[in-house]
N, C-alpha and C. Protein backbone atom coordinates (compact mmCIF):
# COMPACT_ATOMS: atom_id res chain seq x y z
N MET A 1 99.30 115.91 115.30
CA MET A 1 98.83 114.57 115.03
C MET A 1 98.58 114.41 113.53
N ILE A 2 98.90 113.26 113.02
CA ILE A 2 98.60 112.94 111.62
C ILE A 2 97.18 112.40 111.58
N TYR A 3 96.42 112.91 110.63
CA TYR A 3 95.02 112.53 110.52
C TYR A 3 94.88 111.24 109.71
N ILE A 4 94.23 110.25 110.30
CA ILE A 4 93.91 109.00 109.63
C ILE A 4 92.39 108.98 109.44
N ALA A 5 91.95 108.94 108.19
CA ALA A 5 90.53 108.95 107.86
C ALA A 5 90.03 107.53 107.67
N GLU A 6 88.76 107.32 107.96
CA GLU A 6 88.13 106.05 107.62
C GLU A 6 88.19 105.89 106.10
N TYR A 7 88.19 104.63 105.64
CA TYR A 7 88.24 104.38 104.20
C TYR A 7 87.11 105.15 103.51
N ASP A 8 87.44 105.78 102.39
CA ASP A 8 86.48 106.55 101.61
C ASP A 8 86.34 105.89 100.23
N PRO A 9 85.15 105.41 99.89
CA PRO A 9 84.97 104.75 98.59
C PRO A 9 85.19 105.69 97.40
N GLU A 10 85.34 106.98 97.65
CA GLU A 10 85.65 107.92 96.57
C GLU A 10 87.14 107.93 96.22
N TRP A 11 88.00 107.36 97.07
CA TRP A 11 89.44 107.38 96.79
C TRP A 11 89.78 106.76 95.44
N PRO A 12 89.22 105.60 95.07
CA PRO A 12 89.53 105.06 93.73
C PRO A 12 89.08 106.00 92.60
N GLU A 13 87.97 106.69 92.80
CA GLU A 13 87.51 107.64 91.78
C GLU A 13 88.47 108.82 91.67
N LEU A 14 88.98 109.29 92.81
CA LEU A 14 89.96 110.38 92.77
C LEU A 14 91.23 109.92 92.06
N PHE A 15 91.64 108.67 92.31
CA PHE A 15 92.79 108.13 91.58
C PHE A 15 92.50 108.09 90.08
N ASP A 16 91.36 107.55 89.70
CA ASP A 16 91.03 107.43 88.26
C ASP A 16 91.09 108.79 87.57
N ALA A 17 90.53 109.81 88.21
CA ALA A 17 90.55 111.15 87.61
C ALA A 17 91.98 111.67 87.45
N GLU A 18 92.80 111.45 88.48
CA GLU A 18 94.19 111.93 88.41
C GLU A 18 95.00 111.09 87.42
N ALA A 19 94.73 109.81 87.35
CA ALA A 19 95.45 108.95 86.41
C ALA A 19 95.20 109.39 84.97
N ARG A 20 93.98 109.82 84.67
CA ARG A 20 93.69 110.34 83.31
C ARG A 20 94.55 111.56 83.01
N ARG A 21 94.65 112.46 83.96
CA ARG A 21 95.49 113.67 83.77
C ARG A 21 96.95 113.28 83.59
N LEU A 22 97.41 112.33 84.41
CA LEU A 22 98.80 111.90 84.33
C LEU A 22 99.10 111.20 83.01
N ARG A 23 98.19 110.35 82.55
CA ARG A 23 98.40 109.66 81.26
C ARG A 23 98.56 110.66 80.13
N GLU A 24 97.73 111.68 80.15
CA GLU A 24 97.81 112.70 79.10
C GLU A 24 99.13 113.47 79.19
N ALA A 25 99.50 113.89 80.37
CA ALA A 25 100.72 114.69 80.55
C ALA A 25 101.98 113.87 80.32
N LEU A 26 101.92 112.57 80.67
CA LEU A 26 103.11 111.72 80.59
C LEU A 26 103.04 110.76 79.40
N ASP A 27 102.28 111.13 78.40
CA ASP A 27 102.13 110.29 77.20
C ASP A 27 103.50 109.94 76.63
N GLY A 28 103.76 108.66 76.46
CA GLY A 28 105.04 108.22 75.94
C GLY A 28 106.11 108.04 77.00
N VAL A 29 105.86 108.49 78.22
CA VAL A 29 106.83 108.35 79.32
C VAL A 29 106.35 107.32 80.34
N ALA A 30 105.08 107.41 80.72
CA ALA A 30 104.53 106.49 81.72
C ALA A 30 104.16 105.17 81.05
N LEU A 31 104.76 104.09 81.54
CA LEU A 31 104.42 102.76 81.03
C LEU A 31 103.21 102.18 81.75
N ARG A 32 103.07 102.55 83.01
CA ARG A 32 101.88 102.17 83.76
C ARG A 32 101.70 103.17 84.90
N ILE A 33 100.45 103.29 85.34
CA ILE A 33 100.10 104.18 86.43
C ILE A 33 99.21 103.39 87.37
N ASP A 34 99.65 103.24 88.61
CA ASP A 34 98.94 102.42 89.59
C ASP A 34 98.55 103.21 90.82
N HIS A 35 97.39 102.88 91.34
CA HIS A 35 96.95 103.41 92.63
C HIS A 35 97.60 102.52 93.69
N VAL A 36 98.42 103.09 94.54
CA VAL A 36 99.14 102.35 95.57
C VAL A 36 98.91 103.02 96.92
N GLY A 37 99.52 102.49 97.94
CA GLY A 37 99.36 103.09 99.26
C GLY A 37 98.03 102.70 99.88
N SER A 38 97.79 103.19 101.05
CA SER A 38 96.62 102.77 101.83
C SER A 38 95.29 103.16 101.20
N THR A 39 95.23 104.27 100.47
CA THR A 39 93.95 104.65 99.86
C THR A 39 93.57 103.71 98.72
N ALA A 40 94.49 102.83 98.31
CA ALA A 40 94.22 101.84 97.26
C ALA A 40 93.72 100.52 97.83
N VAL A 41 93.54 100.45 99.14
CA VAL A 41 93.15 99.20 99.79
C VAL A 41 91.75 99.38 100.38
N PRO A 42 90.72 98.79 99.74
CA PRO A 42 89.37 98.93 100.27
C PRO A 42 89.28 98.52 101.73
N GLY A 43 88.63 99.38 102.51
CA GLY A 43 88.42 99.11 103.92
C GLY A 43 89.52 99.58 104.85
N LEU A 44 90.63 100.04 104.31
CA LEU A 44 91.77 100.44 105.14
C LEU A 44 91.72 101.95 105.41
N ALA A 45 91.72 102.32 106.68
CA ALA A 45 91.81 103.73 107.05
C ALA A 45 93.17 104.25 106.62
N ALA A 46 93.24 105.55 106.28
CA ALA A 46 94.48 106.09 105.72
C ALA A 46 94.53 107.60 105.86
N LYS A 47 95.76 108.13 105.73
CA LYS A 47 95.86 109.57 105.50
C LYS A 47 95.15 109.79 104.16
N PRO A 48 94.33 110.82 104.04
CA PRO A 48 93.61 111.03 102.79
C PRO A 48 94.49 111.63 101.69
N VAL A 49 95.51 110.86 101.32
CA VAL A 49 96.45 111.26 100.26
C VAL A 49 96.45 110.14 99.23
N ILE A 50 96.16 110.47 97.99
CA ILE A 50 96.14 109.48 96.93
C ILE A 50 97.58 109.25 96.47
N ASP A 51 98.09 108.04 96.76
CA ASP A 51 99.44 107.67 96.33
C ASP A 51 99.36 107.00 94.97
N ILE A 52 100.20 107.48 94.07
CA ILE A 52 100.22 107.02 92.69
C ILE A 52 101.64 106.61 92.34
N GLN A 53 101.76 105.43 91.75
CA GLN A 53 103.06 104.98 91.26
C GLN A 53 103.05 105.06 89.74
N VAL A 54 104.00 105.80 89.20
CA VAL A 54 104.18 105.91 87.76
C VAL A 54 105.44 105.13 87.40
N SER A 55 105.27 104.16 86.52
CA SER A 55 106.40 103.34 86.08
C SER A 55 106.92 103.86 84.76
N VAL A 56 108.22 104.07 84.71
CA VAL A 56 108.88 104.61 83.52
C VAL A 56 110.10 103.74 83.20
N ALA A 57 110.58 103.87 81.99
CA ALA A 57 111.83 103.18 81.60
C ALA A 57 112.54 104.06 80.61
N PRO A 58 113.70 104.47 80.89
CA PRO A 58 114.40 104.42 82.18
C PRO A 58 113.95 105.57 83.06
N ARG A 59 114.51 105.63 84.28
CA ARG A 59 114.13 106.68 85.22
C ARG A 59 114.82 108.00 84.94
N GLU A 60 115.78 108.00 84.07
CA GLU A 60 116.48 109.22 83.66
C GLU A 60 116.19 109.46 82.19
N PRO A 61 116.10 110.66 81.74
CA PRO A 61 116.35 111.91 82.47
C PRO A 61 115.13 112.34 83.30
N LEU A 62 115.42 112.89 84.43
CA LEU A 62 114.40 113.37 85.36
C LEU A 62 113.43 114.32 84.68
N ALA A 63 113.93 115.19 83.82
CA ALA A 63 113.07 116.20 83.18
C ALA A 63 111.95 115.57 82.36
N SER A 64 112.13 114.32 81.91
CA SER A 64 111.11 113.69 81.08
C SER A 64 109.79 113.50 81.82
N TYR A 65 109.82 113.41 83.13
CA TYR A 65 108.58 113.34 83.90
C TYR A 65 108.44 114.49 84.89
N ARG A 66 109.55 115.08 85.35
CA ARG A 66 109.46 116.21 86.28
C ARG A 66 108.70 117.37 85.66
N ASP A 67 109.05 117.71 84.43
CA ASP A 67 108.42 118.88 83.80
C ASP A 67 106.93 118.67 83.53
N PRO A 68 106.50 117.50 82.98
CA PRO A 68 105.06 117.29 82.82
C PRO A 68 104.31 117.27 84.16
N LEU A 69 104.94 116.70 85.19
CA LEU A 69 104.28 116.70 86.50
C LEU A 69 104.17 118.12 87.05
N ALA A 70 105.19 118.93 86.85
CA ALA A 70 105.13 120.33 87.28
C ALA A 70 103.99 121.07 86.58
N SER A 71 103.75 120.74 85.32
CA SER A 71 102.66 121.40 84.58
C SER A 71 101.30 121.06 85.17
N LEU A 72 101.22 119.96 85.94
CA LEU A 72 99.98 119.57 86.61
C LEU A 72 99.93 120.06 88.05
N GLY A 73 100.93 120.83 88.46
CA GLY A 73 100.95 121.39 89.81
C GLY A 73 101.70 120.57 90.83
N TYR A 74 102.44 119.57 90.38
CA TYR A 74 103.21 118.74 91.31
C TYR A 74 104.55 119.40 91.64
N ILE A 75 104.94 119.29 92.89
CA ILE A 75 106.20 119.80 93.39
C ILE A 75 107.16 118.62 93.53
N CYS A 76 108.36 118.76 93.00
CA CYS A 76 109.38 117.72 93.10
C CYS A 76 110.11 117.88 94.43
N THR A 77 110.16 116.80 95.19
CA THR A 77 110.84 116.77 96.47
C THR A 77 111.90 115.68 96.42
N THR A 78 113.07 115.95 96.93
CA THR A 78 114.13 114.95 96.88
C THR A 78 114.59 114.51 98.27
N THR A 79 113.96 115.03 99.31
CA THR A 79 114.35 114.66 100.67
C THR A 79 113.17 114.01 101.37
N PRO A 80 113.25 112.85 101.90
CA PRO A 80 114.44 112.01 101.97
C PRO A 80 114.63 111.16 100.72
N PHE A 81 113.68 111.22 99.79
CA PHE A 81 113.79 110.49 98.53
C PHE A 81 112.99 111.26 97.48
N LEU A 82 113.16 110.89 96.23
CA LEU A 82 112.47 111.57 95.14
C LEU A 82 110.99 111.19 95.11
N TYR A 83 110.13 112.18 95.18
CA TYR A 83 108.70 111.99 94.94
C TYR A 83 108.11 113.35 94.61
N PHE A 84 106.86 113.35 94.20
CA PHE A 84 106.17 114.57 93.80
C PHE A 84 104.88 114.67 94.61
N HIS A 85 104.50 115.90 94.94
CA HIS A 85 103.26 116.08 95.70
C HIS A 85 102.53 117.31 95.22
N ARG A 86 101.25 117.30 95.50
CA ARG A 86 100.44 118.50 95.32
C ARG A 86 99.37 118.50 96.38
N PRO A 87 98.96 119.64 96.81
CA PRO A 87 99.51 120.96 96.52
C PRO A 87 100.88 121.15 97.18
N ALA A 88 101.40 122.35 97.01
CA ALA A 88 102.74 122.64 97.54
C ALA A 88 102.78 122.53 99.06
N ASP A 89 101.73 122.98 99.73
CA ASP A 89 101.70 122.98 101.19
C ASP A 89 100.94 121.76 101.72
N TRP A 90 101.31 121.37 102.95
CA TRP A 90 100.62 120.28 103.63
C TRP A 90 99.28 120.79 104.13
N PRO A 91 98.21 120.04 104.10
CA PRO A 91 98.18 118.64 103.74
C PRO A 91 98.15 118.43 102.22
N HIS A 92 98.89 117.45 101.78
CA HIS A 92 98.89 117.08 100.37
C HIS A 92 97.65 116.25 100.08
N THR A 93 97.23 116.29 98.82
CA THR A 93 96.12 115.44 98.39
C THR A 93 96.61 114.30 97.52
N HIS A 94 97.77 114.48 96.87
CA HIS A 94 98.31 113.47 95.95
C HIS A 94 99.82 113.38 96.09
N HIS A 95 100.32 112.15 96.02
CA HIS A 95 101.76 111.88 95.93
C HIS A 95 101.99 111.03 94.70
N VAL A 96 103.04 111.35 93.94
CA VAL A 96 103.43 110.53 92.79
C VAL A 96 104.84 110.02 93.06
N HIS A 97 104.98 108.70 92.96
CA HIS A 97 106.26 108.01 93.14
C HIS A 97 106.63 107.43 91.78
N VAL A 98 107.77 107.82 91.25
CA VAL A 98 108.22 107.34 89.94
C VAL A 98 109.19 106.19 90.17
N ARG A 99 108.90 105.07 89.53
CA ARG A 99 109.72 103.87 89.65
C ARG A 99 110.12 103.39 88.26
N GLU A 100 111.27 102.77 88.20
CA GLU A 100 111.68 102.17 86.94
C GLU A 100 110.86 100.90 86.72
N SER A 101 110.31 100.78 85.54
CA SER A 101 109.49 99.64 85.20
C SER A 101 110.27 98.34 85.41
N GLY A 102 109.65 97.39 86.09
CA GLY A 102 110.28 96.10 86.35
C GLY A 102 111.21 96.08 87.54
N SER A 103 111.43 97.21 88.19
CA SER A 103 112.36 97.27 89.32
C SER A 103 111.77 96.59 90.54
N ASP A 104 112.64 96.24 91.48
CA ASP A 104 112.18 95.67 92.74
C ASP A 104 111.26 96.64 93.47
N ASP A 105 111.59 97.93 93.47
CA ASP A 105 110.75 98.92 94.15
C ASP A 105 109.34 98.94 93.57
N GLU A 106 109.25 98.92 92.24
CA GLU A 106 107.93 98.93 91.59
C GLU A 106 107.14 97.69 92.02
N GLN A 107 107.77 96.54 91.93
CA GLN A 107 107.07 95.28 92.21
C GLN A 107 106.70 95.14 93.68
N ARG A 108 107.59 95.56 94.60
CA ARG A 108 107.29 95.47 96.04
C ARG A 108 106.09 96.33 96.41
N THR A 109 106.01 97.51 95.84
CA THR A 109 104.90 98.41 96.16
C THR A 109 103.57 97.79 95.75
N ILE A 110 103.53 97.23 94.57
CA ILE A 110 102.29 96.61 94.09
C ILE A 110 101.96 95.36 94.89
N ALA A 111 102.97 94.55 95.19
CA ALA A 111 102.75 93.33 95.96
C ALA A 111 102.23 93.65 97.37
N PHE A 112 102.77 94.71 98.00
CA PHE A 112 102.32 95.10 99.33
C PHE A 112 100.86 95.51 99.28
N ARG A 113 100.50 96.34 98.30
CA ARG A 113 99.09 96.76 98.14
C ARG A 113 98.20 95.54 97.96
N ASP A 114 98.59 94.64 97.08
CA ASP A 114 97.77 93.46 96.79
C ASP A 114 97.66 92.54 98.00
N TRP A 115 98.74 92.42 98.77
CA TRP A 115 98.70 91.60 99.99
C TRP A 115 97.66 92.16 100.96
N LEU A 116 97.69 93.46 101.18
CA LEU A 116 96.73 94.06 102.11
C LEU A 116 95.30 93.90 101.61
N ARG A 117 95.10 93.94 100.31
CA ARG A 117 93.76 93.77 99.74
C ARG A 117 93.21 92.37 100.01
N THR A 118 94.07 91.39 100.14
CA THR A 118 93.61 90.00 100.22
C THR A 118 93.87 89.33 101.57
N HIS A 119 94.43 90.07 102.53
CA HIS A 119 94.73 89.50 103.85
C HIS A 119 94.18 90.41 104.95
N PRO A 120 92.89 90.21 105.30
CA PRO A 120 92.24 91.13 106.25
C PRO A 120 92.92 91.24 107.61
N ALA A 121 93.49 90.16 108.12
CA ALA A 121 94.13 90.25 109.44
C ALA A 121 95.35 91.17 109.38
N ASP A 122 96.15 91.05 108.33
CA ASP A 122 97.32 91.93 108.18
C ASP A 122 96.88 93.37 107.91
N ARG A 123 95.81 93.53 107.15
CA ARG A 123 95.27 94.87 106.90
C ARG A 123 94.86 95.51 108.22
N GLY A 124 94.17 94.75 109.09
CA GLY A 124 93.75 95.28 110.39
C GLY A 124 94.93 95.62 111.28
N ALA A 125 95.95 94.77 111.26
CA ALA A 125 97.14 95.05 112.08
C ALA A 125 97.86 96.30 111.57
N TYR A 126 97.91 96.46 110.26
CA TYR A 126 98.56 97.64 109.68
C TYR A 126 97.78 98.90 110.06
N GLU A 127 96.47 98.83 109.98
CA GLU A 127 95.67 99.99 110.35
C GLU A 127 95.87 100.34 111.82
N ALA A 128 95.89 99.35 112.69
CA ALA A 128 96.10 99.61 114.12
C ALA A 128 97.46 100.27 114.35
N LEU A 129 98.48 99.78 113.66
CA LEU A 129 99.81 100.40 113.79
C LEU A 129 99.77 101.85 113.32
N LYS A 130 99.17 102.10 112.17
CA LYS A 130 99.11 103.47 111.65
C LYS A 130 98.37 104.40 112.61
N ARG A 131 97.27 103.94 113.15
CA ARG A 131 96.51 104.79 114.09
C ARG A 131 97.33 105.09 115.33
N SER A 132 98.01 104.09 115.84
CA SER A 132 98.84 104.28 117.03
C SER A 132 99.97 105.27 116.77
N LEU A 133 100.66 105.08 115.66
CA LEU A 133 101.75 106.00 115.32
C LEU A 133 101.24 107.41 115.04
N ALA A 134 100.10 107.52 114.39
CA ALA A 134 99.56 108.84 114.04
C ALA A 134 99.21 109.65 115.28
N ARG A 135 98.72 108.98 116.30
CA ARG A 135 98.36 109.70 117.53
C ARG A 135 99.55 110.43 118.13
N GLY A 136 100.74 109.85 118.00
CA GLY A 136 101.92 110.47 118.59
C GLY A 136 102.74 111.27 117.60
N ALA A 137 102.26 111.38 116.37
CA ALA A 137 103.04 112.06 115.33
C ALA A 137 102.67 113.53 115.24
N ASP A 138 103.65 114.31 114.87
CA ASP A 138 103.48 115.74 114.66
C ASP A 138 103.51 115.97 113.15
N ALA A 139 102.42 116.48 112.61
CA ALA A 139 102.34 116.66 111.16
C ALA A 139 102.81 118.04 110.72
N SER A 140 103.44 118.79 111.61
CA SER A 140 103.76 120.19 111.30
C SER A 140 104.95 120.37 110.36
N SER A 141 105.75 119.32 110.16
CA SER A 141 106.90 119.46 109.27
C SER A 141 107.06 118.20 108.43
N ALA A 142 107.73 118.35 107.30
CA ALA A 142 107.98 117.20 106.43
C ALA A 142 108.78 116.14 107.18
N GLU A 143 109.75 116.56 107.97
CA GLU A 143 110.58 115.60 108.72
C GLU A 143 109.73 114.79 109.70
N SER A 144 108.82 115.44 110.39
CA SER A 144 107.99 114.70 111.35
C SER A 144 107.05 113.74 110.63
N ARG A 145 106.56 114.11 109.46
CA ARG A 145 105.71 113.20 108.68
C ARG A 145 106.52 112.01 108.18
N PHE A 146 107.79 112.24 107.81
CA PHE A 146 108.64 111.13 107.38
C PHE A 146 109.00 110.21 108.54
N ARG A 147 109.10 110.75 109.74
CA ARG A 147 109.34 109.89 110.91
C ARG A 147 108.18 108.91 111.08
N TYR A 148 106.96 109.41 110.89
CA TYR A 148 105.78 108.54 110.94
C TYR A 148 105.90 107.44 109.89
N SER A 149 106.25 107.80 108.68
CA SER A 149 106.39 106.81 107.60
C SER A 149 107.48 105.80 107.91
N ARG A 150 108.63 106.29 108.37
CA ARG A 150 109.74 105.38 108.69
C ARG A 150 109.39 104.42 109.81
N ALA A 151 108.54 104.86 110.74
CA ALA A 151 108.17 104.00 111.87
C ALA A 151 107.36 102.78 111.42
N LYS A 152 106.80 102.84 110.22
CA LYS A 152 106.03 101.70 109.69
C LYS A 152 106.90 100.72 108.92
N THR A 153 108.16 101.05 108.69
CA THR A 153 109.02 100.28 107.77
C THR A 153 109.18 98.82 108.17
N ASP A 154 109.45 98.53 109.42
CA ASP A 154 109.67 97.14 109.83
C ASP A 154 108.43 96.30 109.56
N PHE A 155 107.26 96.84 109.88
CA PHE A 155 106.02 96.10 109.64
C PHE A 155 105.82 95.87 108.14
N ILE A 156 106.05 96.91 107.35
CA ILE A 156 105.90 96.79 105.89
C ILE A 156 106.85 95.74 105.34
N ARG A 157 108.10 95.75 105.78
CA ARG A 157 109.08 94.77 105.30
C ARG A 157 108.66 93.34 105.66
N THR A 158 108.07 93.17 106.84
CA THR A 158 107.58 91.85 107.23
C THR A 158 106.50 91.38 106.27
N LEU A 159 105.55 92.25 105.95
CA LEU A 159 104.49 91.85 105.02
C LEU A 159 105.02 91.65 103.61
N GLU A 160 106.02 92.44 103.23
CA GLU A 160 106.62 92.23 101.91
C GLU A 160 107.25 90.84 101.83
N ARG A 161 107.92 90.42 102.90
CA ARG A 161 108.50 89.07 102.90
C ARG A 161 107.42 88.01 102.82
N ARG A 162 106.32 88.22 103.55
CA ARG A 162 105.22 87.26 103.47
C ARG A 162 104.65 87.16 102.06
N SER A 163 104.61 88.29 101.37
CA SER A 163 104.05 88.31 100.02
C SER A 163 105.01 87.72 98.99
N GLY A 164 106.27 87.51 99.41
CA GLY A 164 107.26 86.98 98.49
C GLY A 164 107.99 88.05 97.71
N SER A 165 107.72 89.31 98.03
CA SER A 165 108.37 90.39 97.27
C SER A 165 109.46 91.10 98.06
N GLY A 166 109.59 90.78 99.34
CA GLY A 166 110.56 91.51 100.18
C GLY A 166 111.92 90.89 100.20
N ARG A 167 112.87 91.67 100.69
CA ARG A 167 114.26 91.24 100.79
C ARG A 167 114.46 90.39 102.01
């Protein structure tokens, strides 16, 4: 089962502390660093993983941010998509998603977070979906955790369209 924790008011503080480390390590590379994902939405229960979006321009070369992130203990993962996590083993405490500044991916992620912050009914529906999916999810492998994430995609896309940021 995937663990969904009640909202923890310390999550923004954990983000702030990690963002300071990231700003220092990615000086000149990171154009912005945002707290995203469910832990960035007050009142929303979530997996206790701090999701961070780092915006860069351009996204290549990979080494420009991969190496500084590795120096902070982040592991680069490319399956099913590029992201970074720490610690190496599950459960992770932090995920870093690198997006090209101004890209649709960057903007959709922020718009989704902001929508959930300002629309309590959708936030409640999203939490109910996550809890339901988590009960039937197996957290023992990366693939099973990604199945849980993929199962939320249709709902997320619906809210992205409502926010005006979705396809």
